[in-house]
């Protein structure tokens, strides 16, 4: 569900004139999404019941507590690929 919501947000930004529908801007939007969502992961410990109970480790900012540099880079690359995919698919509909 969130995947569709962010695809619509990216499309709305392109329709508003922010960037253009191409691979570069898809990668930029994906990286920007990663910057925001990665920072928000630092707050999961305050909300997640498993972290509060001590049964699950807090992920930390950019998931670095649960995977170190692999999680950090994997999240970045995954978000960039998502942004590129959204741009390529959306370009067929405009």
N, C-alpha and C. Protein backbone atom coordinates (compact mmCIF):
# COMPACT_ATOMS: atom_id res chain seq x y z
N UNK A 1 0.81 -1.19 0.00
CA UNK A 1 0.00 0.00 0.00
C UNK A 1 0.86 1.26 0.00
N UNK A 2 1.88 1.29 0.86
CA UNK A 2 2.75 2.47 0.92
C UNK A 2 3.51 2.66 -0.39
N UNK A 3 3.80 1.55 -1.07
CA UNK A 3 4.50 1.63 -2.35
C UNK A 3 3.66 2.42 -3.34
N UNK A 4 2.38 2.18 -3.36
CA UNK A 4 1.49 2.90 -4.28
C UNK A 4 1.35 4.36 -3.87
N UNK A 5 1.30 4.62 -2.58
CA UNK A 5 1.15 5.99 -2.11
C UNK A 5 2.35 6.83 -2.52
N UNK A 6 3.55 6.30 -2.34
CA UNK A 6 4.73 7.07 -2.71
C UNK A 6 4.87 7.21 -4.22
N UNK A 7 4.40 6.24 -4.99
CA UNK A 7 4.40 6.39 -6.44
C UNK A 7 3.48 7.54 -6.85
N UNK A 8 2.33 7.66 -6.19
CA UNK A 8 1.41 8.76 -6.48
C UNK A 8 2.03 10.10 -6.05
N UNK A 9 2.74 10.11 -4.93
CA UNK A 9 3.41 11.34 -4.48
C UNK A 9 4.47 11.75 -5.50
N UNK A 10 5.26 10.80 -5.98
CA UNK A 10 6.27 11.13 -6.99
C UNK A 10 5.60 11.69 -8.24
N UNK A 11 4.51 11.06 -8.69
CA UNK A 11 3.81 11.53 -9.88
C UNK A 11 3.24 12.93 -9.66
N UNK A 12 2.72 13.18 -8.47
CA UNK A 12 2.18 14.51 -8.16
C UNK A 12 3.27 15.57 -8.19
N UNK A 13 4.44 15.22 -7.69
CA UNK A 13 5.56 16.17 -7.73
C UNK A 13 5.97 16.46 -9.16
N UNK A 14 6.04 15.43 -10.00
CA UNK A 14 6.38 15.66 -11.40
C UNK A 14 5.31 16.50 -12.08
N UNK A 15 4.04 16.24 -11.80
CA UNK A 15 2.96 17.02 -12.39
C UNK A 15 2.98 18.47 -11.93
N UNK A 16 3.48 18.71 -10.72
CA UNK A 16 3.58 20.07 -10.18
C UNK A 16 4.77 20.82 -10.76
N UNK A 17 5.57 20.15 -11.58
CA UNK A 17 6.71 20.80 -12.21
C UNK A 17 8.02 20.64 -11.48
N UNK A 18 8.04 19.79 -10.47
CA UNK A 18 9.28 19.54 -9.74
C UNK A 18 10.01 18.40 -10.42
N UNK A 19 11.09 18.70 -11.08
CA UNK A 19 11.84 17.69 -11.82
C UNK A 19 11.10 17.29 -13.09
N UNK A 20 11.59 16.26 -13.71
CA UNK A 20 10.93 15.71 -14.89
C UNK A 20 10.94 14.19 -14.80
N UNK A 21 10.09 13.58 -15.57
CA UNK A 21 9.93 12.13 -15.49
C UNK A 21 11.06 11.48 -16.28
N UNK A 22 12.16 11.20 -15.60
CA UNK A 22 13.28 10.48 -16.22
C UNK A 22 14.04 9.72 -15.14
N UNK A 23 15.03 8.98 -15.56
CA UNK A 23 15.77 8.12 -14.63
C UNK A 23 16.48 8.94 -13.56
N UNK A 24 17.07 10.07 -13.95
CA UNK A 24 17.80 10.89 -12.98
C UNK A 24 16.89 11.39 -11.88
N UNK A 25 15.74 11.96 -12.25
CA UNK A 25 14.83 12.47 -11.24
C UNK A 25 14.18 11.36 -10.43
N UNK A 26 13.98 10.21 -11.03
CA UNK A 26 13.49 9.07 -10.27
C UNK A 26 14.50 8.68 -9.19
N UNK A 27 15.78 8.67 -9.55
CA UNK A 27 16.83 8.35 -8.58
C UNK A 27 16.92 9.41 -7.49
N UNK A 28 16.76 10.68 -7.87
CA UNK A 28 16.79 11.76 -6.87
C UNK A 28 15.63 11.64 -5.90
N UNK A 29 14.42 11.40 -6.41
CA UNK A 29 13.27 11.24 -5.53
C UNK A 29 13.44 10.02 -4.62
N UNK A 30 13.98 8.93 -5.17
CA UNK A 30 14.21 7.74 -4.36
C UNK A 30 15.22 7.99 -3.25
N UNK A 31 16.30 8.70 -3.58
CA UNK A 31 17.33 9.02 -2.57
C UNK A 31 16.77 9.96 -1.50
N UNK A 32 15.94 10.93 -1.91
CA UNK A 32 15.33 11.84 -0.94
C UNK A 32 14.38 11.07 -0.01
N UNK A 33 13.64 10.13 -0.57
CA UNK A 33 12.75 9.31 0.24
C UNK A 33 13.55 8.49 1.25
N UNK A 34 14.69 7.97 0.83
CA UNK A 34 15.56 7.19 1.72
C UNK A 34 16.10 8.07 2.84
N UNK A 35 16.49 9.32 2.52
CA UNK A 35 17.01 10.21 3.55
C UNK A 35 15.98 10.43 4.66
N UNK A 36 14.75 10.67 4.28
CA UNK A 36 13.70 10.94 5.26
C UNK A 36 13.32 9.66 6.01
N UNK A 37 13.07 8.58 5.29
CA UNK A 37 12.62 7.35 5.95
C UNK A 37 13.73 6.75 6.82
N UNK A 38 14.97 6.87 6.39
CA UNK A 38 16.08 6.35 7.18
C UNK A 38 16.24 7.07 8.51
N UNK A 39 16.03 8.38 8.48
CA UNK A 39 16.09 9.14 9.73
C UNK A 39 14.94 8.76 10.66
N UNK A 40 13.78 8.50 10.07
CA UNK A 40 12.62 8.14 10.88
C UNK A 40 12.80 6.78 11.55
N UNK A 41 13.63 5.92 11.00
CA UNK A 41 13.85 4.61 11.62
C UNK A 41 14.45 4.74 13.01
N UNK A 42 15.14 5.86 13.27
CA UNK A 42 15.68 6.09 14.60
C UNK A 42 14.61 6.22 15.66
N UNK A 43 13.40 6.61 15.27
CA UNK A 43 12.30 6.76 16.22
C UNK A 43 11.46 5.52 16.43
N UNK A 44 11.77 4.45 15.71
CA UNK A 44 10.97 3.23 15.83
C UNK A 44 11.03 2.68 17.25
N UNK A 45 12.16 2.83 17.91
CA UNK A 45 12.29 2.32 19.27
C UNK A 45 11.31 2.91 20.25
N UNK A 46 10.84 4.12 19.96
CA UNK A 46 9.88 4.77 20.85
C UNK A 46 8.46 4.28 20.62
N UNK A 47 8.21 3.64 19.46
CA UNK A 47 6.84 3.27 19.11
C UNK A 47 6.60 1.76 19.05
N UNK A 48 7.60 0.99 18.76
CA UNK A 48 7.45 -0.44 18.50
C UNK A 48 7.32 -1.22 19.81
N UNK A 49 6.29 -2.01 19.93
CA UNK A 49 6.04 -2.76 21.16
C UNK A 49 7.16 -3.78 21.44
N UNK A 50 7.67 -4.41 20.39
CA UNK A 50 8.74 -5.39 20.58
C UNK A 50 10.02 -4.77 21.08
N UNK A 51 10.32 -3.56 20.61
CA UNK A 51 11.52 -2.86 21.08
C UNK A 51 11.34 -2.44 22.53
N UNK A 52 10.15 -1.95 22.86
CA UNK A 52 9.88 -1.56 24.25
C UNK A 52 9.97 -2.74 25.20
N UNK A 53 9.52 -3.91 24.74
CA UNK A 53 9.55 -5.11 25.58
C UNK A 53 10.93 -5.74 25.65
N UNK A 54 11.82 -5.33 24.75
CA UNK A 54 13.16 -5.88 24.74
C UNK A 54 13.32 -7.16 23.93
N UNK A 55 12.28 -7.56 23.20
CA UNK A 55 12.36 -8.78 22.39
C UNK A 55 12.91 -8.54 20.99
N UNK A 56 12.91 -7.28 20.56
CA UNK A 56 13.40 -6.91 19.23
C UNK A 56 14.38 -5.75 19.41
N UNK A 57 15.49 -5.79 18.70
CA UNK A 57 16.45 -4.70 18.76
C UNK A 57 15.93 -3.50 17.98
N UNK A 58 16.20 -2.31 18.48
CA UNK A 58 15.83 -1.09 17.76
C UNK A 58 16.69 -1.00 16.50
N UNK A 59 16.10 -0.65 15.36
CA UNK A 59 16.84 -0.64 14.11
C UNK A 59 17.88 0.47 14.04
N UNK A 60 17.65 1.56 14.68
CA UNK A 60 18.57 2.69 14.62
C UNK A 60 18.41 3.47 13.32
N UNK A 61 19.07 4.60 13.26
CA UNK A 61 19.00 5.46 12.09
C UNK A 61 19.57 4.72 10.89
N UNK A 62 18.82 4.72 9.79
CA UNK A 62 19.18 4.04 8.54
C UNK A 62 19.40 2.54 8.74
N UNK A 63 18.76 1.95 9.75
CA UNK A 63 18.82 0.50 10.03
C UNK A 63 20.23 0.02 10.36
N UNK A 64 21.12 0.91 10.76
CA UNK A 64 22.51 0.53 10.99
C UNK A 64 22.70 -0.40 12.18
N UNK A 65 21.77 -0.41 13.14
CA UNK A 65 21.90 -1.33 14.27
C UNK A 65 21.55 -2.76 13.89
N UNK A 66 20.81 -2.95 12.82
CA UNK A 66 20.38 -4.28 12.40
C UNK A 66 21.02 -4.75 11.11
N UNK A 67 22.10 -4.19 10.72
CA UNK A 67 22.73 -4.64 9.49
C UNK A 67 23.95 -3.84 9.10
N UNK A 68 24.25 -2.83 9.86
CA UNK A 68 25.44 -2.03 9.60
C UNK A 68 25.43 -1.39 8.22
N UNK A 69 26.58 -1.40 7.58
CA UNK A 69 26.75 -0.75 6.29
C UNK A 69 25.94 -1.44 5.19
N UNK A 70 25.71 -2.75 5.31
CA UNK A 70 24.90 -3.45 4.31
C UNK A 70 23.46 -2.93 4.33
N UNK A 71 22.91 -2.71 5.51
CA UNK A 71 21.56 -2.16 5.61
C UNK A 71 21.52 -0.73 5.11
N UNK A 72 22.53 0.03 5.44
CA UNK A 72 22.63 1.43 5.01
C UNK A 72 22.64 1.53 3.49
N UNK A 73 23.55 0.80 2.85
CA UNK A 73 23.66 0.85 1.39
C UNK A 73 22.50 0.13 0.70
N UNK A 74 22.02 -0.96 1.29
CA UNK A 74 20.89 -1.67 0.71
C UNK A 74 19.64 -0.81 0.68
N UNK A 75 19.42 -0.05 1.74
CA UNK A 75 18.28 0.86 1.77
C UNK A 75 18.41 1.95 0.73
N UNK A 76 19.59 2.51 0.60
CA UNK A 76 19.81 3.56 -0.40
C UNK A 76 19.61 3.04 -1.81
N UNK A 77 20.23 1.93 -2.12
CA UNK A 77 20.12 1.37 -3.48
C UNK A 77 18.69 0.95 -3.77
N UNK A 78 18.03 0.35 -2.78
CA UNK A 78 16.64 -0.06 -2.98
C UNK A 78 15.72 1.13 -3.25
N UNK A 79 15.90 2.22 -2.53
CA UNK A 79 15.06 3.40 -2.75
C UNK A 79 15.36 4.04 -4.10
N UNK A 80 16.62 4.07 -4.49
CA UNK A 80 16.97 4.64 -5.80
C UNK A 80 16.36 3.80 -6.92
N UNK A 81 16.46 2.49 -6.81
CA UNK A 81 15.85 1.62 -7.82
C UNK A 81 14.33 1.76 -7.85
N UNK A 82 13.73 1.95 -6.70
CA UNK A 82 12.28 2.18 -6.65
C UNK A 82 11.92 3.47 -7.39
N UNK A 83 12.65 4.54 -7.12
CA UNK A 83 12.39 5.81 -7.79
C UNK A 83 12.56 5.71 -9.29
N UNK A 84 13.60 5.01 -9.74
CA UNK A 84 13.83 4.83 -11.17
C UNK A 84 12.69 4.01 -11.78
N UNK A 85 12.25 2.97 -11.10
CA UNK A 85 11.16 2.14 -11.60
C UNK A 85 9.87 2.94 -11.73
N UNK A 86 9.57 3.75 -10.72
CA UNK A 86 8.37 4.58 -10.78
C UNK A 86 8.46 5.55 -11.96
N UNK A 87 9.62 6.15 -12.16
CA UNK A 87 9.78 7.10 -13.27
C UNK A 87 9.59 6.38 -14.62
N UNK A 88 10.17 5.20 -14.76
CA UNK A 88 10.05 4.48 -16.02
C UNK A 88 8.61 4.05 -16.28
N UNK A 89 7.94 3.54 -15.27
CA UNK A 89 6.54 3.10 -15.45
C UNK A 89 5.65 4.31 -15.71
N UNK A 90 5.85 5.38 -14.94
CA UNK A 90 5.01 6.56 -15.11
C UNK A 90 5.20 7.21 -16.46
N UNK A 91 6.40 7.10 -17.03
CA UNK A 91 6.66 7.71 -18.34
C UNK A 91 5.80 7.07 -19.44
N UNK A 92 5.34 5.85 -19.25
CA UNK A 92 4.47 5.21 -20.21
C UNK A 92 3.04 5.75 -20.17
N UNK A 93 2.67 6.41 -19.07
CA UNK A 93 1.30 6.87 -18.90
C UNK A 93 1.12 8.37 -19.15
N UNK A 94 2.21 9.09 -19.39
CA UNK A 94 2.04 10.53 -19.65
C UNK A 94 2.15 10.85 -21.13
